[in-house]
Amino acid sequence: MANGKRSGRYYITENTAKPGGAPGRKGSGVPPGKEQGKLMRILLIEDDLKTAEFVAKGLAQSGFRTCHATDGLDGLFKARAESFDLAIIDIMLPKLDGFSVIEEIRAARLTLPIIVLSARDSVESKIKGLEKGGDDYLSKPFSFAELLARVQALLRRASSAAEPTTLVVGDLTLDLIARKVTRAGQAVDLQPLEFQLLEYLMRNHGRVVSKTTILEHVWEYNFDTQSNIVEAGIFRLREKVDKPFETKMIHTVRGFGYVLE
C-alpha cells in the first residue's frame, strides 16, 4: 500500500515502485527519461518545496533531468531561456500565477507539453488550465505513479508527431536521415558529435542555449565549470560551418551561451 506524505495543506501519495521500475516506450527497452539517445529535461514550477522535492526525486529515479523554479516569473524565464521536453506547472504560484505562466509560454510559441498541477479540483479550474494551453491537468493529492504515467503519455504523443527529416536555417541544411550537412550547396563534413551539436543549435535556432543545456543534450554531462568541452566543440563547428563563408551563423552571447541564426 502506498504511503501518504503531507505537503502543505494536502497529501501526496508516494510511489512504492522501485526506482526506474516504470516502463519506458513499450517494447523499446528505452528507460522512461531517455528517448532517441538523449536524457529528457523537465521544467518543474512549484513553490511548495516538499512537493517539488517529492516530484524531482521521483523523476530523477526514473531517468529524467529536472530544472526547478519556485515562482512564476523565474519559471517563465527558464522556459524562455532553455530547452525542455515537458513542463509541470502549479497554478498557485507567487509573483506570477500558473495560468499566466502557461499563457505566456504559449504566446512565445513554445510547444512543449504542459501538465497543470493544482489543489483546485473544480471543473472550471480544469477547463481554464487547458484553455490557457495546458495539455493535462492533475489534481492534488496525486501519486507519483500517476504523474509519471501522464508524463510518459505526453512525451510519447509529442515524439509521435511528424518529425522533419531536414532542418533548414538560411543556406544551412541538415539532413537527419542521410546524416549530411550542406551550406550554400557545399558539403560540410562533420564528426558525429559535431553533427549532434549542430542539430541541437538548429533545432533551437534564434534562441540562446546555455553551456549547461548543451552539455546535457549533446554530451549528456552534468555541468562542470572547469570543462571547456562545449567551447572546443563550438570552435570546431565554426571552423567548418562558418569560417569558409562570409556570413557567420554561430554567435556567442557573453554570459549566456550560444545562438545560431
C-alpha atoms as a PDB file:
ATOM      1  CA  MET A   1       0.000   0.000   0.000  1.00  0.00           C
ATOM      2  CA  ALA A   2       1.328   3.469  -0.847  1.00  0.00           C
ATOM      3  CA  ASN A   3       2.473   5.780   1.927  1.00  0.00           C
ATOM      4  CA  GLY A   4       0.883   9.229   2.439  1.00  0.00           C
ATOM      5  CA  LYS A   5       3.128  12.278   2.809  1.00  0.00           C
ATOM      6  CA  ARG A   6       1.798  15.664   3.878  1.00  0.00           C
ATOM      7  CA  SER A   7       2.856  18.652   1.784  1.00  0.00           C
ATOM      8  CA  GLY A   8       1.308  21.975   2.786  1.00  0.00           C
ATOM      9  CA  ARG A   9      -2.470  21.528   3.093  1.00  0.00           C
ATOM     10  CA  TYR A  10      -2.759  18.265   1.197  1.00  0.00           C
ATOM     11  CA  TYR A  11      -1.366  14.759   0.968  1.00  0.00           C
ATOM     12  CA  ILE A  12       0.733  13.356  -1.835  1.00  0.00           C
ATOM     13  CA  THR A  13       0.889   9.607  -2.264  1.00  0.00           C
ATOM     14  CA  GLU A  14       4.359   8.188  -2.735  1.00  0.00           C
ATOM     15  CA  ASN A  15       5.036   5.615  -5.412  1.00  0.00           C
ATOM     16  CA  THR A  16       6.294   2.374  -3.861  1.00  0.00           C
ATOM     17  CA  ALA A  17       7.734   1.002  -7.108  1.00  0.00           C
ATOM     18  CA  LYS A  18      11.482   0.575  -7.321  1.00  0.00           C
ATOM     19  CA  PRO A  19      13.449   3.435  -8.916  1.00  0.00           C
ATOM     20  CA  GLY A  20      13.389   3.104 -12.671  1.00  0.00           C
ATOM     21  CA  GLY A  21      10.667   0.478 -12.413  1.00  0.00           C
ATOM     22  CA  ALA A  22       8.182   2.380 -14.551  1.00  0.00           C
ATOM     23  CA  PRO A  23       8.255   1.387 -18.189  1.00  0.00           C
ATOM     24  CA  GLY A  24       9.711   3.436 -20.997  1.00  0.00           C
ATOM     25  CA  ARG A  25       8.365   3.189 -24.537  1.00  0.00           C
ATOM     26  CA  LYS A  26       6.672  -0.213 -24.657  1.00  0.00           C
ATOM     27  CA  GLY A  27       8.849  -2.885 -26.174  1.00  0.00           C
ATOM     28  CA  SER A  28      11.691  -0.465 -26.895  1.00  0.00           C
ATOM     29  CA  GLY A  29      13.984  -1.086 -23.937  1.00  0.00           C
ATOM     30  CA  VAL A  30      14.265   2.707 -23.583  1.00  0.00           C
ATOM     31  CA  PRO A  31      14.273   3.975 -19.965  1.00  0.00           C
ATOM     32  CA  PRO A  32      11.395   6.358 -19.072  1.00  0.00           C
ATOM     33  CA  GLY A  33      13.548   9.501 -19.114  1.00  0.00           C
ATOM     34  CA  LYS A  34      15.556   8.704 -22.216  1.00  0.00           C
ATOM     35  CA  GLU A  35      14.407   8.960 -25.801  1.00  0.00           C
ATOM     36  CA  GLN A  36      16.436   8.683 -29.015  1.00  0.00           C
ATOM     37  CA  GLY A  37      19.739   8.731 -27.131  1.00  0.00           C
ATOM     38  CA  LYS A  38      19.175  11.841 -25.025  1.00  0.00           C
ATOM     39  CA  LEU A  39      18.021  12.438 -21.470  1.00  0.00           C
ATOM     40  CA  MET A  40      14.680  14.227 -21.310  1.00  0.00           C
ATOM     41  CA  ARG A  41      14.597  17.559 -19.438  1.00  0.00           C
ATOM     42  CA  ILE A  42      11.551  18.585 -17.424  1.00  0.00           C
ATOM     43  CA  LEU A  43      10.817  22.066 -16.084  1.00  0.00           C
ATOM     44  CA  LEU A  44       9.105  21.922 -12.685  1.00  0.00           C
ATOM     45  CA  ILE A  45       7.499  25.173 -11.475  1.00  0.00           C
ATOM     46  CA  GLU A  46       6.298  24.552  -7.926  1.00  0.00           C
ATOM     47  CA  ASP A  47       6.611  26.799  -4.866  1.00  0.00           C
ATOM     48  CA  ASP A  48       5.909  24.104  -2.272  1.00  0.00           C
ATOM     49  CA  LEU A  49       9.369  22.702  -1.574  1.00  0.00           C
ATOM     50  CA  LYS A  50       8.144  19.363  -0.208  1.00  0.00           C
ATOM     51  CA  THR A  51       6.049  18.759  -3.300  1.00  0.00           C
ATOM     52  CA  ALA A  52       8.920  19.823  -5.547  1.00  0.00           C
ATOM     53  CA  GLU A  53      11.364  17.520  -3.748  1.00  0.00           C
ATOM     54  CA  PHE A  54       8.926  14.603  -3.991  1.00  0.00           C
ATOM     55  CA  VAL A  55       8.365  15.124  -7.730  1.00  0.00           C
ATOM     56  CA  ALA A  56      12.005  15.866  -8.595  1.00  0.00           C
ATOM     57  CA  LYS A  57      13.233  12.809  -6.696  1.00  0.00           C
ATOM     58  CA  GLY A  58      10.789  10.529  -8.486  1.00  0.00           C
ATOM     59  CA  LEU A  59      11.673  11.984 -11.889  1.00  0.00           C
ATOM     60  CA  ALA A  60      15.402  11.611 -11.202  1.00  0.00           C
ATOM     61  CA  GLN A  61      14.896   7.958 -10.218  1.00  0.00           C
ATOM     62  CA  SER A  62      13.012   7.476 -13.488  1.00  0.00           C
ATOM     63  CA  GLY A  63      15.900   8.895 -15.512  1.00  0.00           C
ATOM     64  CA  PHE A  64      14.749  12.461 -16.144  1.00  0.00           C
ATOM     65  CA  ARG A  65      16.680  15.686 -15.601  1.00  0.00           C
ATOM     66  CA  THR A  66      14.646  18.263 -13.683  1.00  0.00           C
ATOM     67  CA  CYS A  67      15.054  22.036 -13.520  1.00  0.00           C
ATOM     68  CA  HIS A  68      13.122  23.588 -10.608  1.00  0.00           C
ATOM     69  CA  ALA A  69      11.710  27.102 -10.281  1.00  0.00           C
ATOM     70  CA  THR A  70       9.927  28.283  -7.126  1.00  0.00           C
ATOM     71  CA  ASP A  71       7.895  31.167  -8.578  1.00  0.00           C
ATOM     72  CA  GLY A  72       6.115  32.007 -11.806  1.00  0.00           C
ATOM     73  CA  LEU A  73       8.496  34.692 -13.046  1.00  0.00           C
ATOM     74  CA  ASP A  74      11.588  32.511 -12.603  1.00  0.00           C
ATOM     75  CA  GLY A  75       9.800  29.581 -14.209  1.00  0.00           C
ATOM     76  CA  LEU A  76       8.791  31.678 -17.221  1.00  0.00           C
ATOM     77  CA  PHE A  77      12.363  32.964 -17.584  1.00  0.00           C
ATOM     78  CA  LYS A  78      13.719  29.399 -17.557  1.00  0.00           C
ATOM     79  CA  ALA A  79      11.098  28.246 -20.082  1.00  0.00           C
ATOM     80  CA  ARG A  80      12.113  31.012 -22.489  1.00  0.00           C
ATOM     81  CA  ALA A  81      15.861  30.752 -21.931  1.00  0.00           C
ATOM     82  CA  GLU A  82      16.350  26.978 -22.005  1.00  0.00           C
ATOM     83  CA  SER A  83      15.065  23.974 -23.919  1.00  0.00           C
ATOM     84  CA  PHE A  84      12.758  21.472 -22.166  1.00  0.00           C
ATOM     85  CA  ASP A  85      10.860  18.386 -23.264  1.00  0.00           C
ATOM     86  CA  LEU A  86       7.952  18.966 -20.866  1.00  0.00           C
ATOM     87  CA  ALA A  87       6.822  21.314 -18.077  1.00  0.00           C
ATOM     88  CA  ILE A  88       4.944  20.617 -14.838  1.00  0.00           C
ATOM     89  CA  ILE A  89       3.373  23.844 -13.556  1.00  0.00           C
ATOM     90  CA  ASP A  90       1.475  24.502 -10.335  1.00  0.00           C
ATOM     91  CA  ILE A  91      -1.362  27.017 -10.526  1.00  0.00           C
ATOM     92  CA  MET A  92      -0.930  28.794  -7.181  1.00  0.00           C
ATOM     93  CA  LEU A  93       2.493  30.406  -7.619  1.00  0.00           C
ATOM     94  CA  PRO A  94       3.998  33.591  -6.166  1.00  0.00           C
ATOM     95  CA  LYS A  95       4.886  36.568  -8.416  1.00  0.00           C
ATOM     96  CA  LEU A  96       3.043  35.153 -11.447  1.00  0.00           C
ATOM     97  CA  ASP A  97       0.268  32.556 -11.248  1.00  0.00           C
ATOM     98  CA  GLY A  98       0.442  29.306 -13.190  1.00  0.00           C
ATOM     99  CA  PHE A  99      -2.345  30.231 -15.609  1.00  0.00           C
ATOM    100  CA  SER A 100      -0.409  33.342 -16.657  1.00  0.00           C
ATOM    101  CA  VAL A 101       2.848  31.384 -16.950  1.00  0.00           C
ATOM    102  CA  ILE A 102       1.203  28.875 -19.303  1.00  0.00           C
ATOM    103  CA  GLU A 103      -0.374  31.672 -21.328  1.00  0.00           C
ATOM    104  CA  GLU A 104       2.997  33.431 -21.721  1.00  0.00           C
ATOM    105  CA  ILE A 105       4.731  30.178 -22.686  1.00  0.00           C
ATOM    106  CA  ARG A 106       2.208  29.606 -25.455  1.00  0.00           C
ATOM    107  CA  ALA A 107       2.424  33.268 -26.518  1.00  0.00           C
ATOM    108  CA  ALA A 108       6.164  32.685 -27.013  1.00  0.00           C
ATOM    109  CA  ARG A 109       5.223  29.828 -29.382  1.00  0.00           C
ATOM    110  CA  LEU A 110       6.833  27.206 -27.183  1.00  0.00           C
ATOM    111  CA  THR A 111       5.171  23.886 -27.931  1.00  0.00           C
ATOM    112  CA  LEU A 112       6.457  21.714 -25.071  1.00  0.00           C
ATOM    113  CA  PRO A 113       3.750  19.603 -23.377  1.00  0.00           C
ATOM    114  CA  ILE A 114       2.472  21.063 -20.081  1.00  0.00           C
ATOM    115  CA  ILE A 115       0.969  19.257 -17.095  1.00  0.00           C
ATOM    116  CA  VAL A 116      -1.014  21.547 -14.794  1.00  0.00           C
ATOM    117  CA  LEU A 117      -0.885  20.813 -11.047  1.00  0.00           C
ATOM    118  CA  SER A 118      -3.448  22.241  -8.664  1.00  0.00           C
ATOM    119  CA  ALA A 119      -5.097  21.711  -5.304  1.00  0.00           C
ATOM    120  CA  ARG A 120      -8.243  23.028  -7.002  1.00  0.00           C
ATOM    121  CA  ASP A 121     -10.397  20.178  -8.306  1.00  0.00           C
ATOM    122  CA  SER A 122     -13.210  22.234  -9.806  1.00  0.00           C
ATOM    123  CA  VAL A 123     -14.323  21.728 -13.390  1.00  0.00           C
ATOM    124  CA  GLU A 124     -13.857  25.464 -14.020  1.00  0.00           C
ATOM    125  CA  SER A 125     -10.214  25.353 -12.928  1.00  0.00           C
ATOM    126  CA  LYS A 126      -9.502  22.325 -15.123  1.00  0.00           C
ATOM    127  CA  ILE A 127     -11.125  23.961 -18.133  1.00  0.00           C
ATOM    128  CA  LYS A 128      -9.182  27.188 -17.570  1.00  0.00           C
ATOM    129  CA  GLY A 129      -5.877  25.317 -17.291  1.00  0.00           C
ATOM    130  CA  LEU A 130      -6.496  23.501 -20.566  1.00  0.00           C
ATOM    131  CA  GLU A 131      -7.800  26.609 -22.336  1.00  0.00           C
ATOM    132  CA  LYS A 132      -4.664  28.563 -21.376  1.00  0.00           C
ATOM    133  CA  GLY A 133      -2.526  25.944 -23.098  1.00  0.00           C
ATOM    134  CA  GLY A 134      -2.100  23.043 -20.683  1.00  0.00           C
ATOM    135  CA  ASP A 135      -2.136  19.538 -22.147  1.00  0.00           C
ATOM    136  CA  ASP A 136      -3.151  17.660 -18.990  1.00  0.00           C
ATOM    137  CA  TYR A 137      -4.427  18.508 -15.507  1.00  0.00           C
ATOM    138  CA  LEU A 138      -3.586  16.648 -12.302  1.00  0.00           C
ATOM    139  CA  SER A 139      -5.309  17.440  -9.024  1.00  0.00           C
ATOM    140  CA  LYS A 140      -3.584  17.211  -5.642  1.00  0.00           C
ATOM    141  CA  PRO A 141      -3.224  14.852  -3.903  1.00  0.00           C
ATOM    142  CA  PHE A 142      -1.699  12.559  -6.514  1.00  0.00           C
ATOM    143  CA  SER A 143       0.564   9.519  -6.672  1.00  0.00           C
ATOM    144  CA  PHE A 144       3.901   9.745  -8.417  1.00  0.00           C
ATOM    145  CA  ALA A 145       2.954   6.685 -10.466  1.00  0.00           C
ATOM    146  CA  GLU A 146       0.027   8.610 -11.963  1.00  0.00           C
ATOM    147  CA  LEU A 147       2.173  11.690 -12.632  1.00  0.00           C
ATOM    148  CA  LEU A 148       4.845   9.569 -14.325  1.00  0.00           C
ATOM    149  CA  ALA A 149       2.232   7.828 -16.486  1.00  0.00           C
ATOM    150  CA  ARG A 150       0.909  11.204 -17.641  1.00  0.00           C
ATOM    151  CA  VAL A 151       4.446  12.497 -18.301  1.00  0.00           C
ATOM    152  CA  GLN A 152       5.238   9.468 -20.450  1.00  0.00           C
ATOM    153  CA  ALA A 153       1.926   9.660 -22.318  1.00  0.00           C
ATOM    154  CA  LEU A 154       2.543  13.299 -23.272  1.00  0.00           C
ATOM    155  CA  LEU A 155       6.140  12.596 -24.288  1.00  0.00           C
ATOM    156  CA  ARG A 156       5.012   9.669 -26.459  1.00  0.00           C
ATOM    157  CA  ARG A 157       2.412  11.882 -28.089  1.00  0.00           C
ATOM    158  CA  ALA A 158       4.983  14.601 -28.747  1.00  0.00           C
ATOM    159  CA  SER A 159       7.554  12.176 -30.172  1.00  0.00           C
ATOM    160  CA  SER A 160       4.986  10.519 -32.438  1.00  0.00           C
ATOM    161  CA  ALA A 161       4.131  13.851 -34.079  1.00  0.00           C
ATOM    162  CA  ALA A 162       5.531  14.269 -37.578  1.00  0.00           C
ATOM    163  CA  GLU A 163       9.266  14.955 -37.270  1.00  0.00           C
ATOM    164  CA  PRO A 164      11.014  16.879 -40.027  1.00  0.00           C
ATOM    165  CA  THR A 165      13.627  14.870 -41.887  1.00  0.00           C
ATOM    166  CA  THR A 166      15.552  18.010 -42.810  1.00  0.00           C
ATOM    167  CA  LEU A 167      16.434  21.111 -40.788  1.00  0.00           C
ATOM    168  CA  VAL A 168      16.999  24.342 -42.717  1.00  0.00           C
ATOM    169  CA  VAL A 169      18.268  27.681 -41.377  1.00  0.00           C
ATOM    170  CA  GLY A 170      19.180  30.175 -44.104  1.00  0.00           C
ATOM    171  CA  ASP A 171      21.563  28.457 -46.528  1.00  0.00           C
ATOM    172  CA  LEU A 172      22.432  25.770 -43.960  1.00  0.00           C
ATOM    173  CA  THR A 173      20.757  22.372 -44.396  1.00  0.00           C
ATOM    174  CA  LEU A 174      20.987  19.311 -42.141  1.00  0.00           C
ATOM    175  CA  ASP A 175      19.593  16.001 -43.399  1.00  0.00           C
ATOM    176  CA  LEU A 176      18.593  13.882 -40.396  1.00  0.00           C
ATOM    177  CA  ILE A 177      18.148  10.706 -42.444  1.00  0.00           C
ATOM    178  CA  ALA A 178      21.265  10.814 -44.627  1.00  0.00           C
ATOM    179  CA  ARG A 179      23.248  12.473 -41.785  1.00  0.00           C
ATOM    180  CA  LYS A 180      24.605  15.055 -44.222  1.00  0.00           C
ATOM    181  CA  VAL A 181      25.141  18.806 -43.912  1.00  0.00           C
ATOM    182  CA  THR A 182      25.421  21.387 -46.676  1.00  0.00           C
ATOM    183  CA  ARG A 183      25.873  25.133 -46.662  1.00  0.00           C
ATOM    184  CA  ALA A 184      25.221  27.199 -49.762  1.00  0.00           C
ATOM    185  CA  GLY A 185      25.154  23.910 -51.662  1.00  0.00           C
ATOM    186  CA  GLN A 186      28.602  22.851 -50.438  1.00  0.00           C
ATOM    187  CA  ALA A 187      29.010  19.643 -48.418  1.00  0.00           C
ATOM    188  CA  VAL A 188      30.190  20.100 -44.821  1.00  0.00           C
ATOM    189  CA  ASP A 189      31.941  17.054 -43.348  1.00  0.00           C
ATOM    190  CA  LEU A 190      31.136  16.684 -39.628  1.00  0.00           C
ATOM    191  CA  GLN A 191      32.067  14.151 -36.971  1.00  0.00           C
ATOM    192  CA  PRO A 192      29.127  12.509 -35.095  1.00  0.00           C
ATOM    193  CA  LEU A 193      29.314  14.820 -32.053  1.00  0.00           C
ATOM    194  CA  GLU A 194      29.702  17.877 -34.292  1.00  0.00           C
ATOM    195  CA  PHE A 195      26.584  16.765 -36.171  1.00  0.00           C
ATOM    196  CA  GLN A 196      24.654  16.399 -32.886  1.00  0.00           C
ATOM    197  CA  LEU A 197      25.812  19.826 -31.701  1.00  0.00           C
ATOM    198  CA  LEU A 198      24.764  21.476 -34.961  1.00  0.00           C
ATOM    199  CA  GLU A 199      21.427  19.647 -34.882  1.00  0.00           C
ATOM    200  CA  TYR A 200      20.760  20.944 -31.356  1.00  0.00           C
ATOM    201  CA  LEU A 201      21.662  24.526 -32.335  1.00  0.00           C
ATOM    202  CA  MET A 202      19.497  24.343 -35.459  1.00  0.00           C
ATOM    203  CA  ARG A 203      16.512  22.932 -33.577  1.00  0.00           C
ATOM    204  CA  ASN A 204      16.814  25.949 -31.273  1.00  0.00           C
ATOM    205  CA  HIS A 205      17.762  28.495 -33.933  1.00  0.00           C
ATOM    206  CA  GLY A 206      17.145  32.073 -32.874  1.00  0.00           C
ATOM    207  CA  ARG A 207      17.224  31.063 -29.196  1.00  0.00           C
ATOM    208  CA  VAL A 208      20.218  31.407 -26.904  1.00  0.00           C
ATOM    209  CA  VAL A 209      21.178  28.000 -25.461  1.00  0.00           C
ATOM    210  CA  SER A 210      23.407  27.805 -22.411  1.00  0.00           C
ATOM    211  CA  LYS A 211      26.592  25.785 -21.980  1.00  0.00           C
ATOM    212  CA  THR A 212      24.768  23.708 -19.359  1.00  0.00           C
ATOM    213  CA  THR A 213      21.921  22.657 -21.647  1.00  0.00           C
ATOM    214  CA  ILE A 214      24.344  21.892 -24.499  1.00  0.00           C
ATOM    215  CA  LEU A 215      26.375  19.641 -22.189  1.00  0.00           C
ATOM    216  CA  GLU A 216      23.233  17.814 -21.066  1.00  0.00           C
ATOM    217  CA  HIS A 217      21.669  17.401 -24.513  1.00  0.00           C
ATOM    218  CA  VAL A 218      24.719  16.715 -26.676  1.00  0.00           C
ATOM    219  CA  TRP A 219      27.294  15.162 -24.332  1.00  0.00           C
ATOM    220  CA  GLU A 220      24.886  14.120 -21.536  1.00  0.00           C
ATOM    221  CA  TYR A 221      27.280  15.567 -18.943  1.00  0.00           C
ATOM    222  CA  ASN A 222      26.370  17.275 -15.702  1.00  0.00           C
ATOM    223  CA  PHE A 223      27.508  20.887 -15.584  1.00  0.00           C
ATOM    224  CA  ASP A 224      31.220  21.261 -14.871  1.00  0.00           C
ATOM    225  CA  THR A 225      32.576  24.795 -14.633  1.00  0.00           C
ATOM    226  CA  GLN A 226      36.103  23.525 -15.346  1.00  0.00           C
ATOM    227  CA  SER A 227      35.190  21.797 -18.598  1.00  0.00           C
ATOM    228  CA  ASN A 228      35.802  23.537 -21.931  1.00  0.00           C
ATOM    229  CA  ILE A 229      34.300  20.737 -23.994  1.00  0.00           C
ATOM    230  CA  VAL A 230      31.459  22.945 -25.267  1.00  0.00           C
ATOM    231  CA  GLU A 231      33.805  25.784 -26.264  1.00  0.00           C
ATOM    232  CA  ALA A 232      36.025  23.283 -28.103  1.00  0.00           C
ATOM    233  CA  GLY A 233      33.023  21.785 -29.881  1.00  0.00           C
ATOM    234  CA  ILE A 234      31.739  25.218 -30.927  1.00  0.00           C
ATOM    235  CA  PHE A 235      35.221  26.158 -32.189  1.00  0.00           C
ATOM    236  CA  ARG A 236      35.436  23.048 -34.372  1.00  0.00           C
ATOM    237  CA  LEU A 237      31.920  23.607 -35.680  1.00  0.00           C
ATOM    238  CA  ARG A 238      32.688  27.227 -36.588  1.00  0.00           C
ATOM    239  CA  GLU A 239      35.800  26.127 -38.467  1.00  0.00           C
ATOM    240  CA  LYS A 240      33.614  24.006 -40.742  1.00  0.00           C
ATOM    241  CA  VAL A 241      30.256  25.788 -40.834  1.00  0.00           C
ATOM    242  CA  ASP A 242      31.260  29.466 -40.577  1.00  0.00           C
ATOM    243  CA  LYS A 243      34.902  30.058 -41.493  1.00  0.00           C
ATOM    244  CA  PRO A 244      34.662  29.225 -45.228  1.00  0.00           C
ATOM    245  CA  PHE A 245      31.661  31.576 -45.629  1.00  0.00           C
ATOM    246  CA  GLU A 246      31.217  35.333 -45.434  1.00  0.00           C
ATOM    247  CA  THR A 247      28.093  35.263 -43.279  1.00  0.00           C
ATOM    248  CA  LYS A 248      28.634  33.832 -39.801  1.00  0.00           C
ATOM    249  CA  MET A 249      25.778  31.876 -38.222  1.00  0.00           C
ATOM    250  CA  ILE A 250      27.073  30.692 -34.818  1.00  0.00           C
ATOM    251  CA  HIS A 251      27.287  33.551 -32.328  1.00  0.00           C
ATOM    252  CA  THR A 252      28.465  33.806 -28.713  1.00  0.00           C
ATOM    253  CA  VAL A 253      26.182  35.661 -26.307  1.00  0.00           C
ATOM    254  CA  ARG A 254      28.562  36.516 -23.463  1.00  0.00           C
ATOM    255  CA  GLY A 255      27.383  35.350 -20.070  1.00  0.00           C
ATOM    256  CA  PHE A 256      24.515  33.338 -21.568  1.00  0.00           C
ATOM    257  CA  GLY A 257      25.616  30.849 -24.232  1.00  0.00           C
ATOM    258  CA  TYR A 258      25.361  30.442 -27.995  1.00  0.00           C
ATOM    259  CA  VAL A 259      22.818  31.106 -30.703  1.00  0.00           C
ATOM    260  CA  LEU A 260      22.589  30.006 -34.330  1.00  0.00           C
ATOM    261  CA  GLU A 261      20.809  32.451 -36.616  1.00  0.00           C
END
